[in-house]
Amino acid sequence: MATSTERSVTVDGFRWQISELGDGPPVILCHGFPGLGYSFRHQMLALAASGYRAIAPDMPGYGGTDVPRDIDDYTNERVSDALIGLLDALGLDRAVFVGHDFGAPVAWTVALRHRERVSGLVLLSVPYMPDRFPLRPSELYASLARKHFLHIHYFQEPGVADRELDGDPRGFLQRLFYALSGDYRYLDIWQHPSEGNGYLDVLPDAPPLPWSWLTEDEFEHYVEVFSRTGFTGGLNWYRAYDANWERSARVRVAQIEVPTLFVAGARDPVLAMSGAQALDRMRDTVPDLRGIHLLDGAGHFVQQERAEEVNELLLSFVAG
């Protein structure tokens, strides 16, 4: 089995850690929380075997990539521009961009800001949502947190969640991976109050590994990396919500003009939290939407939980 090559690429003083596999038209794979470029290991193998160059960076704040101190450096605009800098450093004119979780809004921001550099767009888990919240996100999340535990609110205060998660990376990762998968109903966590609870207090106990979609060795890779780096870089993406909201004030509702594919697990809690109209809104604002695929039984980590199905959909899309 082919293995990817890992290397560092420095762009304007910022160090990216990237994994590469294959030759041919490039596909940039952008992960979310708590992920790594490694989260696309199954897609990289499939893409390379089909004649594509798969490139999976550790996103800013993760793994071997630099951890910016300024929260603005985690906004969709800043990261999308940084990805274009990475594309330039790699000598690539255009690429298909794939984004999962936080990687999805970054990928669609690349398509909005740098249309000419994007051959196609694949969104995993998070549908395109161009509309702006009426309230500042931190205020909205604080209001919701008065009713039930909300991790997005809990993550806002610097240092609090960091200390908890850094203190037990193995326990946190195993319980979160299970809670967000198709084998659990994540919104059951909302039965817990915010007062007096940390994330580990409300997450369910997880069954022992291996699981159908995650081996012990694969899980140990995540544990090793996050035990070394901590979670602050990933948590900073949540702390950039207000900055993203402020920047969206100057952007009118925009259509994505590049060919786009959407894939999610049918049991992904993101779909429930996005609201019933989210997929229809995406259809209205993405005129070249090539498909919406909700995979039965899968949860949030769809590219790992249903690797073969996602690979088939991804390869069909990039070939087109």
Protein backbone atom coordinates (compact mmCIF):
# COMPACT_ATOMS: atom_id res chain seq x y z
CA MET A 1 0.00 0.00 0.00
CA ALA A 2 1.35 3.41 -0.98
CA THR A 3 2.21 5.79 1.83
CA SER A 4 2.08 9.56 1.70
CA THR A 5 5.07 11.85 1.90
CA GLU A 6 5.09 14.41 4.68
CA ARG A 7 7.01 17.65 4.43
CA SER A 8 7.03 21.25 5.61
CA VAL A 9 6.35 24.17 3.28
CA THR A 10 7.06 27.70 4.53
CA VAL A 11 5.08 30.55 3.00
CA ASP A 12 5.79 34.13 4.14
CA GLY A 13 7.26 32.83 7.38
CA PHE A 14 4.33 30.49 8.09
CA ARG A 15 5.10 26.76 8.22
CA TRP A 16 2.62 24.28 6.78
CA GLN A 17 2.93 20.55 7.36
CA ILE A 18 1.45 18.70 4.41
CA SER A 19 0.97 15.09 3.35
CA GLU A 20 1.15 14.32 -0.38
CA LEU A 21 0.41 11.25 -2.44
CA GLY A 22 0.17 10.71 -6.21
CA ASP A 23 0.70 12.74 -9.35
CA GLY A 24 -1.79 14.52 -11.54
CA PRO A 25 -4.47 17.17 -11.06
CA PRO A 26 -4.29 18.41 -7.45
CA VAL A 27 -6.93 17.96 -4.77
CA ILE A 28 -6.49 19.95 -1.53
CA LEU A 29 -8.09 18.29 1.51
CA CYS A 30 -8.95 20.59 4.45
CA HIS A 31 -9.87 19.02 7.79
CA GLY A 32 -11.74 20.37 10.81
CA PHE A 33 -11.85 19.79 14.59
CA PRO A 34 -10.36 17.65 16.04
CA GLY A 35 -8.72 16.46 12.87
CA LEU A 36 -5.46 16.37 10.98
CA GLY A 37 -4.42 15.95 7.38
CA TYR A 38 -4.38 12.28 8.41
CA SER A 39 -8.18 12.39 8.61
CA PHE A 40 -8.20 12.12 4.78
CA ARG A 41 -5.93 9.05 4.64
CA HIS A 42 -8.57 6.96 2.85
CA GLN A 43 -9.30 9.65 0.27
CA MET A 44 -5.61 10.22 -0.42
CA LEU A 45 -5.10 6.58 -1.32
CA ALA A 46 -8.13 6.53 -3.61
CA LEU A 47 -7.21 9.79 -5.33
CA ALA A 48 -3.59 8.79 -5.91
CA ALA A 49 -4.63 5.39 -7.28
CA SER A 50 -6.89 7.18 -9.78
CA GLY A 51 -4.25 9.57 -11.09
CA TYR A 52 -4.63 12.61 -8.83
CA ARG A 53 -2.24 14.44 -6.53
CA ALA A 54 -3.76 14.43 -3.05
CA ILE A 55 -2.49 17.15 -0.70
CA ALA A 56 -3.70 17.16 2.91
CA PRO A 57 -2.31 19.93 5.10
CA ASP A 58 -2.51 20.06 8.84
CA MET A 59 -4.61 23.20 9.07
CA PRO A 60 -3.36 26.23 11.05
CA GLY A 61 -3.13 25.38 14.73
CA TYR A 62 -2.89 21.61 14.19
CA GLY A 63 -0.21 18.95 14.04
CA GLY A 64 3.02 20.09 12.46
CA THR A 65 1.61 23.36 11.09
CA ASP A 66 2.28 26.61 12.93
CA VAL A 67 -0.09 27.75 15.69
CA PRO A 68 -0.89 31.46 15.18
CA ARG A 69 -1.41 33.57 18.30
CA ASP A 70 -3.75 36.08 16.64
CA ILE A 71 -7.34 34.80 16.50
CA ASP A 72 -7.81 36.66 13.20
CA ASP A 73 -5.41 34.17 11.64
CA TYR A 74 -8.05 31.48 12.13
CA THR A 75 -10.77 33.31 10.19
CA ASN A 76 -12.02 31.89 6.93
CA GLU A 77 -10.62 34.84 4.98
CA ARG A 78 -7.12 34.57 6.45
CA VAL A 79 -6.90 30.81 6.10
CA SER A 80 -8.31 30.84 2.57
CA ASP A 81 -5.70 33.40 1.54
CA ALA A 82 -3.01 31.33 3.26
CA LEU A 83 -4.12 28.28 1.27
CA ILE A 84 -3.69 30.27 -1.94
CA GLY A 85 -0.17 31.08 -0.76
CA LEU A 86 0.42 27.37 -0.25
CA LEU A 87 -0.91 26.68 -3.74
CA ASP A 88 1.56 29.23 -5.13
CA ALA A 89 4.44 27.70 -3.18
CA LEU A 90 3.58 24.29 -4.61
CA GLY A 91 3.50 25.71 -8.14
CA LEU A 92 -0.19 24.93 -8.66
CA ASP A 93 -2.53 27.14 -10.66
CA ARG A 94 -5.82 25.45 -9.72
CA ALA A 95 -7.09 22.65 -7.53
CA VAL A 96 -10.22 20.93 -6.35
CA PHE A 97 -10.79 21.91 -2.71
CA VAL A 98 -12.38 19.47 -0.27
CA GLY A 99 -13.43 20.71 3.16
CA HIS A 100 -14.77 18.84 6.18
CA ASP A 101 -16.17 20.52 9.31
CA PHE A 102 -14.27 23.84 9.73
CA GLY A 103 -12.50 23.00 6.49
CA ALA A 104 -15.79 23.38 4.59
CA PRO A 105 -16.29 27.15 5.16
CA VAL A 106 -12.60 27.68 4.47
CA ALA A 107 -12.90 25.78 1.19
CA TRP A 108 -15.99 27.70 0.08
CA THR A 109 -14.28 30.97 1.05
CA VAL A 110 -11.45 30.03 -1.30
CA ALA A 111 -14.07 29.52 -4.01
CA LEU A 112 -15.68 32.90 -3.27
CA ARG A 113 -12.46 34.92 -2.96
CA HIS A 114 -10.26 33.11 -5.48
CA ARG A 115 -12.69 31.71 -8.04
CA GLU A 116 -10.02 31.32 -10.72
CA ARG A 117 -7.94 29.00 -8.50
CA VAL A 118 -10.71 26.50 -7.79
CA SER A 119 -11.58 23.73 -10.24
CA GLY A 120 -14.27 22.28 -8.02
CA LEU A 121 -15.51 22.24 -4.45
CA VAL A 122 -16.51 19.34 -2.20
CA LEU A 123 -18.19 20.10 1.12
CA LEU A 124 -18.34 17.35 3.72
CA SER A 125 -20.71 17.63 6.69
CA VAL A 126 -21.26 21.42 6.60
CA PRO A 127 -23.64 22.78 3.92
CA TYR A 128 -22.95 26.17 2.37
CA MET A 129 -24.59 28.75 4.63
CA PRO A 130 -24.17 32.28 3.24
CA ASP A 131 -26.59 34.01 5.61
CA ARG A 132 -25.37 36.07 8.54
CA PHE A 133 -26.54 35.53 12.12
CA PRO A 134 -28.63 38.45 13.40
CA LEU A 135 -26.67 38.32 16.69
CA ARG A 136 -22.96 38.18 17.34
CA PRO A 137 -22.22 34.43 17.55
CA SER A 138 -20.77 34.56 21.06
CA GLU A 139 -23.97 36.25 22.27
CA LEU A 140 -26.16 33.70 20.51
CA TYR A 141 -24.17 30.78 21.94
CA ALA A 142 -24.25 32.27 25.45
CA SER A 143 -28.03 32.51 25.20
CA LEU A 144 -28.34 28.88 24.09
CA ALA A 145 -25.94 27.77 26.81
CA ARG A 146 -28.37 29.05 29.45
CA LYS A 147 -30.70 26.25 28.31
CA HIS A 148 -28.24 23.37 27.90
CA PHE A 149 -24.56 22.52 27.57
CA LEU A 150 -23.19 23.86 24.29
CA HIS A 151 -19.63 23.03 23.43
CA ILE A 152 -19.31 26.02 21.09
CA HIS A 153 -19.99 28.34 24.03
CA TYR A 154 -17.78 26.35 26.40
CA PHE A 155 -14.87 26.64 23.95
CA GLN A 156 -15.01 30.46 23.79
CA GLU A 157 -13.11 31.31 26.98
CA PRO A 158 -9.34 30.91 26.38
CA GLY A 159 -7.68 28.40 28.65
CA VAL A 160 -10.75 26.69 30.11
CA ALA A 161 -11.44 23.93 27.59
CA ASP A 162 -7.74 23.85 26.73
CA ARG A 163 -6.82 22.70 30.25
CA GLU A 164 -9.57 20.10 30.36
CA LEU A 165 -8.88 18.52 26.97
CA ASP A 166 -5.08 18.72 27.24
CA GLY A 167 -5.39 16.86 30.55
CA ASP A 168 -6.94 13.80 28.92
CA PRO A 169 -6.42 13.78 25.15
CA ARG A 170 -7.03 10.03 24.87
CA GLY A 171 -10.29 10.12 26.79
CA PHE A 172 -11.52 13.21 24.99
CA LEU A 173 -10.75 11.98 21.48
CA GLN A 174 -12.25 8.54 21.98
CA ARG A 175 -15.44 9.90 23.53
CA LEU A 176 -15.86 12.71 21.00
CA PHE A 177 -15.19 10.49 17.98
CA TYR A 178 -17.86 8.11 19.28
CA ALA A 179 -20.34 10.84 20.25
CA LEU A 180 -20.23 12.47 16.81
CA SER A 181 -20.35 9.21 14.89
CA GLY A 182 -23.45 7.58 13.54
CA ASP A 183 -23.47 5.19 16.50
CA TYR A 184 -24.62 7.86 18.99
CA ARG A 185 -27.18 10.64 19.05
CA TYR A 186 -24.99 13.64 19.80
CA LEU A 187 -27.83 16.00 20.67
CA ASP A 188 -28.50 13.89 23.79
CA ILE A 189 -25.65 15.92 25.26
CA TRP A 190 -28.04 18.87 25.34
CA GLN A 191 -29.84 17.20 28.24
CA HIS A 192 -26.99 18.37 30.47
CA PRO A 193 -26.86 21.90 31.90
CA SER A 194 -23.90 24.19 31.30
CA GLU A 195 -23.45 25.10 34.94
CA GLY A 196 -20.71 23.06 36.57
CA ASN A 197 -19.98 20.89 33.54
CA GLY A 198 -16.98 20.55 31.27
CA TYR A 199 -17.04 18.72 27.97
CA LEU A 200 -15.79 15.46 29.46
CA ASP A 201 -18.60 15.60 32.00
CA VAL A 202 -21.28 15.46 29.29
CA LEU A 203 -19.69 13.27 26.61
CA PRO A 204 -20.79 9.61 26.66
CA ASP A 205 -18.50 6.74 27.52
CA ALA A 206 -17.17 5.19 24.33
CA PRO A 207 -16.96 1.48 23.51
CA PRO A 208 -13.47 -0.01 23.26
CA LEU A 209 -11.59 0.15 19.99
CA PRO A 210 -11.38 -1.03 17.25
CA TRP A 211 -14.57 0.25 15.67
CA SER A 212 -15.85 -0.46 12.18
CA TRP A 213 -14.29 2.78 10.92
CA LEU A 214 -11.35 3.39 13.26
CA THR A 215 -8.57 0.97 14.16
CA GLU A 216 -6.49 1.14 17.32
CA ASP A 217 -3.40 2.18 15.33
CA GLU A 218 -5.31 4.96 13.58
CA PHE A 219 -6.67 6.22 16.88
CA GLU A 220 -3.20 6.13 18.46
CA HIS A 221 -1.96 8.47 15.74
CA TYR A 222 -4.44 11.11 16.84
CA VAL A 223 -3.59 10.57 20.50
CA GLU A 224 0.14 10.91 19.86
CA VAL A 225 -0.21 14.13 17.88
CA PHE A 226 -2.69 15.88 20.20
CA SER A 227 -0.79 14.76 23.32
CA ARG A 228 2.18 16.60 21.84
CA THR A 229 0.45 19.71 20.49
CA GLY A 230 -2.53 20.18 22.78
CA PHE A 231 -5.89 21.47 21.56
CA THR A 232 -5.52 25.26 21.75
CA GLY A 233 -4.87 25.68 18.02
CA GLY A 234 -8.03 23.77 17.17
CA LEU A 235 -10.09 25.59 19.80
CA ASN A 236 -9.00 28.93 18.37
CA TRP A 237 -11.12 28.19 15.29
CA TYR A 238 -14.18 28.37 17.54
CA ARG A 239 -12.90 31.62 19.04
CA ALA A 240 -12.79 33.14 15.55
CA TYR A 241 -16.58 32.94 15.10
CA ASP A 242 -17.10 36.58 16.07
CA ALA A 243 -14.31 37.75 13.75
CA ASN A 244 -15.86 35.76 10.88
CA TRP A 245 -19.24 37.31 11.68
CA GLU A 246 -17.79 40.83 11.61
CA ARG A 247 -16.20 40.24 8.21
CA SER A 248 -19.43 38.83 6.81
CA ALA A 249 -21.10 42.23 7.34
CA ARG A 250 -19.38 43.52 4.21
CA VAL A 251 -20.34 40.56 2.04
CA ARG A 252 -23.77 40.32 0.47
CA VAL A 253 -25.20 36.85 -0.04
CA ALA A 254 -22.91 35.32 -2.61
CA GLN A 255 -23.36 32.41 -4.95
CA ILE A 256 -20.71 29.75 -5.31
CA GLU A 257 -20.02 29.55 -9.02
CA VAL A 258 -17.74 26.50 -9.19
CA PRO A 259 -18.99 22.91 -9.57
CA THR A 260 -19.84 21.71 -6.06
CA LEU A 261 -20.63 18.42 -4.35
CA PHE A 262 -22.10 17.97 -0.86
CA VAL A 263 -21.75 14.77 1.17
CA ALA A 264 -22.71 14.17 4.80
CA GLY A 265 -23.73 11.42 7.14
CA ALA A 266 -27.50 11.22 7.50
CA ARG A 267 -26.97 11.11 11.29
CA ASP A 268 -24.56 14.05 11.38
CA PRO A 269 -25.64 16.44 14.18
CA VAL A 270 -24.41 19.35 12.07
CA LEU A 271 -27.39 18.82 9.77
CA ALA A 272 -29.79 18.96 12.71
CA MET A 273 -28.14 22.09 14.09
CA SER A 274 -28.07 23.74 10.65
CA GLY A 275 -31.85 23.66 10.41
CA ALA A 276 -34.35 22.09 8.05
CA GLN A 277 -33.90 24.75 5.36
CA ALA A 278 -30.09 24.53 5.12
CA LEU A 279 -29.96 22.13 2.18
CA ASP A 280 -32.63 24.07 0.25
CA ARG A 281 -30.71 27.30 0.89
CA MET A 282 -27.58 25.66 -0.51
CA ARG A 283 -29.48 24.62 -3.63
CA ASP A 284 -30.56 28.24 -4.10
CA THR A 285 -27.04 29.68 -3.76
CA VAL A 286 -24.94 27.03 -5.54
CA PRO A 287 -26.18 26.93 -9.15
CA ASP A 288 -23.72 24.22 -10.22
CA LEU A 289 -24.50 21.86 -7.36
CA ARG A 290 -23.67 18.39 -8.68
CA GLY A 291 -25.33 16.44 -5.90
CA ILE A 292 -26.39 16.21 -2.26
CA HIS A 293 -25.63 12.82 -0.74
CA LEU A 294 -26.66 11.86 2.80
CA LEU A 295 -25.15 8.50 3.71
CA ASP A 296 -27.37 6.30 5.86
CA GLY A 297 -26.08 5.47 9.31
CA ALA A 298 -23.04 7.75 9.11
CA GLY A 299 -22.35 10.60 11.50
CA HIS A 300 -20.02 13.57 11.44
CA PHE A 301 -16.78 11.87 10.37
CA VAL A 302 -18.27 10.75 7.08
CA GLN A 303 -15.01 10.45 5.14
CA GLN A 304 -13.80 7.92 7.70
CA GLU A 305 -17.10 6.25 8.66
CA ARG A 306 -18.07 5.66 5.01
CA ALA A 307 -14.70 5.88 3.29
CA GLU A 308 -15.55 3.73 0.25
CA GLU A 309 -18.80 5.56 -0.49
CA VAL A 310 -17.19 8.97 -0.07
CA ASN A 311 -14.28 7.92 -2.26
CA GLU A 312 -16.63 6.77 -5.01
CA LEU A 313 -18.55 10.04 -4.92
CA LEU A 314 -15.35 12.11 -4.78
CA LEU A 315 -13.71 10.32 -7.69
CA SER A 316 -16.82 10.60 -9.84
CA PHE A 317 -16.98 14.31 -9.11
CA VAL A 318 -13.33 15.15 -9.81
CA ALA A 319 -13.43 13.10 -13.01
CA GLY A 320 -16.29 15.30 -14.18
